[in-house]
PDB file of all heavy atoms in Angstrom:
ATOM      1  N   PHE A   1      -8.066  18.567  -0.403  1.00  0.00           N
ATOM      2  CA  PHE A   1      -9.004  17.709  -0.961  1.00  0.00           C
ATOM      3  C   PHE A   1      -8.586  17.200  -2.333  1.00  0.00           C
ATOM      4  O   PHE A   1      -8.875  16.108  -2.719  1.00  0.00           O
ATOM      5  CB  PHE A   1     -10.418  18.313  -0.974  1.00  0.00           C
ATOM      6  CG  PHE A   1     -11.023  18.530   0.401  1.00  0.00           C
ATOM      7  CD1 PHE A   1     -11.669  19.712   0.690  1.00  0.00           C
ATOM      8  CD2 PHE A   1     -10.865  17.609   1.399  1.00  0.00           C
ATOM      9  CE1 PHE A   1     -12.159  19.908   2.024  1.00  0.00           C
ATOM     10  CE2 PHE A   1     -11.389  17.741   2.667  1.00  0.00           C
ATOM     11  CZ  PHE A   1     -12.064  18.925   2.898  1.00  0.00           C
ATOM     12  N   GLU A   2      -7.994  18.163  -3.106  1.00  0.00           N
ATOM     13  CA  GLU A   2      -7.482  17.687  -4.403  1.00  0.00           C
ATOM     14  C   GLU A   2      -6.409  16.681  -4.305  1.00  0.00           C
ATOM     15  O   GLU A   2      -6.395  15.738  -5.084  1.00  0.00           O
ATOM     16  CB  GLU A   2      -6.929  19.023  -5.052  1.00  0.00           C
ATOM     17  CG  GLU A   2      -6.935  19.017  -6.545  1.00  0.00           C
ATOM     18  CD  GLU A   2      -6.516  20.327  -7.080  1.00  0.00           C
ATOM     19  OE1 GLU A   2      -7.402  21.256  -7.213  1.00  0.00           O
ATOM     20  OE2 GLU A   2      -5.290  20.538  -7.293  1.00  0.00           O
ATOM     21  N   VAL A   3      -5.515  16.897  -3.341  1.00  0.00           N
ATOM     22  CA  VAL A   3      -4.442  15.872  -3.139  1.00  0.00           C
ATOM     23  C   VAL A   3      -5.145  14.469  -2.659  1.00  0.00           C
ATOM     24  O   VAL A   3      -4.703  13.449  -3.184  1.00  0.00           O
ATOM     25  CB  VAL A   3      -3.448  16.334  -2.068  1.00  0.00           C
ATOM     26  CG1 VAL A   3      -2.518  15.202  -1.613  1.00  0.00           C
ATOM     27  CG2 VAL A   3      -2.600  17.483  -2.661  1.00  0.00           C
ATOM     28  N   MET A   4      -6.030  14.554  -1.852  1.00  0.00           N
ATOM     29  CA  MET A   4      -6.765  13.348  -1.395  1.00  0.00           C
ATOM     30  C   MET A   4      -7.389  12.685  -2.495  1.00  0.00           C
ATOM     31  O   MET A   4      -7.450  11.395  -2.592  1.00  0.00           O
ATOM     32  CB  MET A   4      -7.680  13.686  -0.176  1.00  0.00           C
ATOM     33  CG  MET A   4      -6.930  14.024   1.085  1.00  0.00           C
ATOM     34  SD  MET A   4      -8.102  14.631   2.380  1.00  0.00           S
ATOM     35  CE  MET A   4      -9.045  13.154   2.663  1.00  0.00           C
ATOM     36  N   ALA A   5      -7.980  13.487  -3.389  1.00  0.00           N
ATOM     37  CA  ALA A   5      -8.776  12.809  -4.505  1.00  0.00           C
ATOM     38  C   ALA A   5      -7.757  12.188  -5.507  1.00  0.00           C
ATOM     39  O   ALA A   5      -8.070  11.195  -6.044  1.00  0.00           O
ATOM     40  CB  ALA A   5      -9.545  13.904  -5.272  1.00  0.00           C
ATOM     41  N   VAL A   6      -6.589  12.761  -5.710  1.00  0.00           N
ATOM     42  CA  VAL A   6      -5.639  12.234  -6.717  1.00  0.00           C
ATOM     43  C   VAL A   6      -4.767  11.237  -6.073  1.00  0.00           C
ATOM     44  O   VAL A   6      -4.610  10.090  -6.662  1.00  0.00           O
ATOM     45  CB  VAL A   6      -4.774  13.380  -7.302  1.00  0.00           C
ATOM     46  CG1 VAL A   6      -3.701  12.850  -8.141  1.00  0.00           C
ATOM     47  CG2 VAL A   6      -5.725  14.353  -8.049  1.00  0.00           C
ATOM     48  N   GLN A   7      -4.217  11.419  -4.928  1.00  0.00           N
ATOM     49  CA  GLN A   7      -3.180  10.580  -4.312  1.00  0.00           C
ATOM     50  C   GLN A   7      -3.804   9.567  -3.249  1.00  0.00           C
ATOM     51  O   GLN A   7      -3.161   8.707  -2.822  1.00  0.00           O
ATOM     52  CB  GLN A   7      -2.078  11.386  -3.608  1.00  0.00           C
ATOM     53  CG  GLN A   7      -1.441  12.302  -4.513  1.00  0.00           C
ATOM     54  CD  GLN A   7      -0.349  11.668  -5.363  1.00  0.00           C
ATOM     55  OE1 GLN A   7       0.322  10.690  -4.840  1.00  0.00           O
ATOM     56  NE2 GLN A   7      -0.083  12.095  -6.545  1.00  0.00           N
ATOM     57  N   GLY A   8      -4.986   9.945  -2.774  1.00  0.00           N
ATOM     58  CA  GLY A   8      -5.549   9.219  -1.642  1.00  0.00           C
ATOM     59  C   GLY A   8      -4.990   9.766  -0.375  1.00  0.00           C
ATOM     60  O   GLY A   8      -4.366  10.884  -0.261  1.00  0.00           O
ATOM     61  N   THR A   9      -5.184   9.100   0.783  1.00  0.00           N
ATOM     62  CA  THR A   9      -4.716   9.576   2.059  1.00  0.00           C
ATOM     63  C   THR A   9      -3.371   9.074   2.450  1.00  0.00           C
ATOM     64  O   THR A   9      -2.926   9.231   3.506  1.00  0.00           O
ATOM     65  CB  THR A   9      -5.737   9.228   3.186  1.00  0.00           C
ATOM     66  OG1 THR A   9      -5.942   7.853   3.185  1.00  0.00           O
ATOM     67  CG2 THR A   9      -7.058   9.931   2.991  1.00  0.00           C
ATOM     68  N   GLY A  10      -2.724   8.393   1.527  1.00  0.00           N
ATOM     69  CA  GLY A  10      -1.463   7.731   1.811  1.00  0.00           C
ATOM     70  C   GLY A  10      -0.202   8.655   1.749  1.00  0.00           C
ATOM     71  O   GLY A  10       0.885   8.274   1.974  1.00  0.00           O
ATOM     72  N   ASN A  11      -0.389   9.908   1.333  1.00  0.00           N
ATOM     73  CA  ASN A  11       0.762  10.822   1.170  1.00  0.00           C
ATOM     74  C   ASN A  11       0.525  12.008   2.191  1.00  0.00           C
ATOM     75  O   ASN A  11       0.079  13.024   1.722  1.00  0.00           O
ATOM     76  CB  ASN A  11       0.862  11.293  -0.250  1.00  0.00           C
ATOM     77  CG  ASN A  11       2.221  11.951  -0.482  1.00  0.00           C
ATOM     78  OD1 ASN A  11       2.944  12.389   0.407  1.00  0.00           O
ATOM     79  ND2 ASN A  11       2.624  12.081  -1.800  1.00  0.00           N
ATOM     80  N   PRO A  12       1.008  11.857   3.434  1.00  0.00           N
ATOM     81  CA  PRO A  12       0.739  12.911   4.312  1.00  0.00           C
ATOM     82  C   PRO A  12       1.562  14.206   4.056  1.00  0.00           C
ATOM     83  O   PRO A  12       1.185  15.253   4.496  1.00  0.00           O
ATOM     84  CB  PRO A  12       1.163  12.257   5.684  1.00  0.00           C
ATOM     85  CG  PRO A  12       1.977  11.080   5.349  1.00  0.00           C
ATOM     86  CD  PRO A  12       1.575  10.753   3.972  1.00  0.00           C
ATOM     87  N   ARG A  13       2.658  14.055   3.411  1.00  0.00           N
ATOM     88  CA  ARG A  13       3.526  15.214   3.094  1.00  0.00           C
ATOM     89  C   ARG A  13       2.781  16.208   2.231  1.00  0.00           C
ATOM     90  O   ARG A  13       2.749  17.459   2.407  1.00  0.00           O
ATOM     91  CB  ARG A  13       4.859  14.771   2.481  1.00  0.00           C
ATOM     92  CG  ARG A  13       5.827  15.956   2.322  1.00  0.00           C
ATOM     93  CD  ARG A  13       7.131  15.479   1.819  1.00  0.00           C
ATOM     94  NE  ARG A  13       7.626  14.431   2.821  1.00  0.00           N
ATOM     95  CZ  ARG A  13       8.915  14.544   3.312  1.00  0.00           C
ATOM     96  NH1 ARG A  13       9.723  15.468   2.922  1.00  0.00           N
ATOM     97  NH2 ARG A  13       9.188  13.656   4.205  1.00  0.00           N
ATOM     98  N   LEU A  14       2.146  15.725   1.153  1.00  0.00           N
ATOM     99  CA  LEU A  14       1.394  16.541   0.283  1.00  0.00           C
ATOM    100  C   LEU A  14       0.171  17.201   1.074  1.00  0.00           C
ATOM    101  O   LEU A  14      -0.204  18.304   0.724  1.00  0.00           O
ATOM    102  CB  LEU A  14       0.933  15.752  -0.955  1.00  0.00           C
ATOM    103  CG  LEU A  14       2.038  15.505  -1.949  1.00  0.00           C
ATOM    104  CD1 LEU A  14       1.543  14.671  -3.127  1.00  0.00           C
ATOM    105  CD2 LEU A  14       2.631  16.755  -2.510  1.00  0.00           C
ATOM    106  N   MET A  15      -0.508  16.386   1.841  1.00  0.00           N
ATOM    107  CA  MET A  15      -1.646  16.885   2.644  1.00  0.00           C
ATOM    108  C   MET A  15      -1.169  17.993   3.546  1.00  0.00           C
ATOM    109  O   MET A  15      -1.837  19.004   3.765  1.00  0.00           O
ATOM    110  CB  MET A  15      -2.290  15.789   3.335  1.00  0.00           C
ATOM    111  CG  MET A  15      -3.140  14.868   2.430  1.00  0.00           C
ATOM    112  SD  MET A  15      -4.092  13.619   3.158  1.00  0.00           S
ATOM    113  CE  MET A  15      -4.029  13.708   4.819  1.00  0.00           C
ATOM    114  N   ALA A  16       0.016  17.834   4.149  1.00  0.00           N
ATOM    115  CA  ALA A  16       0.540  18.794   5.121  1.00  0.00           C
ATOM    116  C   ALA A  16       0.754  20.206   4.432  1.00  0.00           C
ATOM    117  O   ALA A  16       0.568  21.230   5.055  1.00  0.00           O
ATOM    118  CB  ALA A  16       1.853  18.325   5.789  1.00  0.00           C
ATOM    119  N   SER A  17       1.302  20.123   3.166  1.00  0.00           N
ATOM    120  CA  SER A  17       1.481  21.435   2.484  1.00  0.00           C
ATOM    121  C   SER A  17       0.134  22.103   2.297  1.00  0.00           C
ATOM    122  O   SER A  17       0.096  23.326   2.308  1.00  0.00           O
ATOM    123  CB  SER A  17       2.267  21.193   1.200  1.00  0.00           C
ATOM    124  OG  SER A  17       1.445  20.583   0.278  1.00  0.00           O
ATOM    125  N   GLY A  18      -0.904  21.330   1.952  1.00  0.00           N
ATOM    126  CA  GLY A  18      -2.206  22.004   1.780  1.00  0.00           C
ATOM    127  C   GLY A  18      -2.736  22.504   3.085  1.00  0.00           C
ATOM    128  O   GLY A  18      -3.418  23.582   3.142  1.00  0.00           O
ATOM    129  N   ILE A  19      -2.503  21.789   4.144  1.00  0.00           N
ATOM    130  CA  ILE A  19      -2.967  22.316   5.484  1.00  0.00           C
ATOM    131  C   ILE A  19      -2.277  23.588   5.875  1.00  0.00           C
ATOM    132  O   ILE A  19      -2.785  24.461   6.372  1.00  0.00           O
ATOM    133  CB  ILE A  19      -2.875  21.186   6.545  1.00  0.00           C
ATOM    134  CG1 ILE A  19      -3.877  20.117   6.223  1.00  0.00           C
ATOM    135  CG2 ILE A  19      -3.031  21.698   7.914  1.00  0.00           C
ATOM    136  CD1 ILE A  19      -3.749  18.847   7.047  1.00  0.00           C
ATOM    137  N   SER A  20      -0.992  23.642   5.566  1.00  0.00           N
ATOM    138  CA  SER A  20      -0.255  24.881   5.972  1.00  0.00           C
ATOM    139  C   SER A  20      -0.722  25.989   5.054  1.00  0.00           C
ATOM    140  O   SER A  20      -0.774  27.136   5.417  1.00  0.00           O
ATOM    141  CB  SER A  20       1.236  24.714   5.826  1.00  0.00           C
ATOM    142  OG  SER A  20       1.701  24.159   4.631  1.00  0.00           O
ATOM    143  N   MET A  21      -1.118  25.635   3.705  1.00  0.00           N
ATOM    144  CA  MET A  21      -1.666  26.679   2.866  1.00  0.00           C
ATOM    145  C   MET A  21      -3.019  27.099   3.380  1.00  0.00           C
ATOM    146  O   MET A  21      -3.452  28.225   3.029  1.00  0.00           O
ATOM    147  CB  MET A  21      -1.813  26.175   1.468  1.00  0.00           C
ATOM    148  CG  MET A  21      -0.569  26.277   0.613  1.00  0.00           C
ATOM    149  SD  MET A  21      -0.803  25.647  -0.997  1.00  0.00           S
ATOM    150  CE  MET A  21      -2.152  26.630  -1.648  1.00  0.00           C
ATOM    151  N   ALA A  22      -3.649  26.267   4.248  1.00  0.00           N
ATOM    152  CA  ALA A  22      -5.002  26.627   4.880  1.00  0.00           C
ATOM    153  C   ALA A  22      -4.785  27.470   6.156  1.00  0.00           C
ATOM    154  O   ALA A  22      -5.618  28.316   6.456  1.00  0.00           O
ATOM    155  CB  ALA A  22      -5.815  25.419   5.141  1.00  0.00           C
ATOM    156  N   THR A  23      -3.778  27.204   6.909  1.00  0.00           N
ATOM    157  CA  THR A  23      -3.686  27.813   8.195  1.00  0.00           C
ATOM    158  C   THR A  23      -2.812  29.127   8.236  1.00  0.00           C
ATOM    159  O   THR A  23      -3.199  30.033   8.926  1.00  0.00           O
ATOM    160  CB  THR A  23      -3.106  26.883   9.289  1.00  0.00           C
ATOM    161  OG1 THR A  23      -1.893  26.358   8.801  1.00  0.00           O
ATOM    162  CG2 THR A  23      -4.060  25.698   9.501  1.00  0.00           C
ATOM    163  N   ILE A  24      -1.792  29.158   7.472  1.00  0.00           N
ATOM    164  CA  ILE A  24      -0.875  30.308   7.435  1.00  0.00           C
ATOM    165  C   ILE A  24      -1.600  31.567   7.003  1.00  0.00           C
ATOM    166  O   ILE A  24      -1.435  32.568   7.563  1.00  0.00           O
ATOM    167  CB  ILE A  24       0.402  29.990   6.669  1.00  0.00           C
ATOM    168  CG1 ILE A  24       1.217  29.021   7.401  1.00  0.00           C
ATOM    169  CG2 ILE A  24       1.155  31.253   6.392  1.00  0.00           C
ATOM    170  CD1 ILE A  24       2.479  28.594   6.726  1.00  0.00           C
ATOM    171  N   PRO A  25      -2.364  31.586   5.901  1.00  0.00           N
ATOM    172  CA  PRO A  25      -3.007  32.878   5.513  1.00  0.00           C
ATOM    173  C   PRO A  25      -4.051  33.326   6.561  1.00  0.00           C
ATOM    174  O   PRO A  25      -4.188  34.501   6.767  1.00  0.00           O
ATOM    175  CB  PRO A  25      -3.791  32.469   4.223  1.00  0.00           C
ATOM    176  CG  PRO A  25      -3.068  31.363   3.705  1.00  0.00           C
ATOM    177  CD  PRO A  25      -2.510  30.575   4.885  1.00  0.00           C
ATOM    178  N   THR A  26      -4.688  32.351   7.308  1.00  0.00           N
ATOM    179  CA  THR A  26      -5.604  32.774   8.312  1.00  0.00           C
ATOM    180  C   THR A  26      -4.862  33.468   9.434  1.00  0.00           C
ATOM    181  O   THR A  26      -5.283  34.537   9.923  1.00  0.00           O
ATOM    182  CB  THR A  26      -6.388  31.530   8.870  1.00  0.00           C
ATOM    183  OG1 THR A  26      -7.042  30.898   7.751  1.00  0.00           O
ATOM    184  CG2 THR A  26      -7.397  31.997   9.932  1.00  0.00           C
ATOM    185  N   MET A  27      -3.751  32.933   9.808  1.00  0.00           N
ATOM    186  CA  MET A  27      -3.023  33.508  10.884  1.00  0.00           C
ATOM    187  C   MET A  27      -2.417  34.874  10.436  1.00  0.00           C
ATOM    188  O   MET A  27      -2.479  35.824  11.184  1.00  0.00           O
ATOM    189  CB  MET A  27      -1.765  32.597  11.220  1.00  0.00           C
ATOM    190  CG  MET A  27      -0.813  33.199  12.228  1.00  0.00           C
ATOM    191  SD  MET A  27       0.838  32.590  12.188  1.00  0.00           S
ATOM    192  CE  MET A  27       1.343  32.880  10.534  1.00  0.00           C
ATOM    193  N   ALA A  28      -1.913  34.964   9.182  1.00  0.00           N
ATOM    194  CA  ALA A  28      -1.408  36.235   8.680  1.00  0.00           C
ATOM    195  C   ALA A  28      -2.509  37.254   8.688  1.00  0.00           C
ATOM    196  O   ALA A  28      -2.231  38.475   9.033  1.00  0.00           O
ATOM    197  CB  ALA A  28      -0.755  35.974   7.361  1.00  0.00           C
ATOM    198  N   GLY A  29      -3.721  36.932   8.171  1.00  0.00           N
ATOM    199  CA  GLY A  29      -4.788  37.904   8.165  1.00  0.00           C
ATOM    200  C   GLY A  29      -5.175  38.367   9.518  1.00  0.00           C
ATOM    201  O   GLY A  29      -5.463  39.505   9.747  1.00  0.00           O
ATOM    202  N   MET A  30      -5.183  37.513  10.518  1.00  0.00           N
ATOM    203  CA  MET A  30      -5.519  37.895  11.870  1.00  0.00           C
ATOM    204  C   MET A  30      -4.461  38.742  12.498  1.00  0.00           C
ATOM    205  O   MET A  30      -4.787  39.783  13.097  1.00  0.00           O
ATOM    206  CB  MET A  30      -5.733  36.654  12.748  1.00  0.00           C
ATOM    207  CG  MET A  30      -6.870  35.826  12.286  1.00  0.00           C
ATOM    208  SD  MET A  30      -8.395  36.757  12.324  1.00  0.00           S
ATOM    209  CE  MET A  30      -9.094  36.274  13.921  1.00  0.00           C
ATOM    210  N   VAL A  31      -3.180  38.460  12.281  1.00  0.00           N
ATOM    211  CA  VAL A  31      -2.039  39.241  12.818  1.00  0.00           C
ATOM    212  C   VAL A  31      -2.132  40.633  12.153  1.00  0.00           C
ATOM    213  O   VAL A  31      -2.057  41.707  12.859  1.00  0.00           O
ATOM    214  CB  VAL A  31      -0.734  38.545  12.593  1.00  0.00           C
ATOM    215  CG1 VAL A  31       0.424  39.488  12.871  1.00  0.00           C
ATOM    216  CG2 VAL A  31      -0.637  37.360  13.495  1.00  0.00           C
ATOM    217  N   ALA A  32      -2.351  40.742  10.860  1.00  0.00           N
ATOM    218  CA  ALA A  32      -2.425  41.978  10.131  1.00  0.00           C
ATOM    219  C   ALA A  32      -3.627  42.804  10.708  1.00  0.00           C
ATOM    220  O   ALA A  32      -3.481  44.022  11.038  1.00  0.00           O
ATOM    221  CB  ALA A  32      -2.615  41.738   8.653  1.00  0.00           C
ATOM    222  N   ALA A  33      -4.745  42.221  10.924  1.00  0.00           N
ATOM    223  CA  ALA A  33      -5.886  42.858  11.455  1.00  0.00           C
ATOM    224  C   ALA A  33      -5.653  43.422  12.907  1.00  0.00           C
ATOM    225  O   ALA A  33      -6.088  44.490  13.246  1.00  0.00           O
ATOM    226  CB  ALA A  33      -7.154  41.974  11.363  1.00  0.00           C
TER     227      ALA A  33
END
């Protein structure tokens, strides 16, 4: 959301890094559990 607020929705690469920051920890926490 921070990237979207600053850059808009025109930069998918920056949004993708935020989305991976959102999904990878969830996956890692579930695998650990």
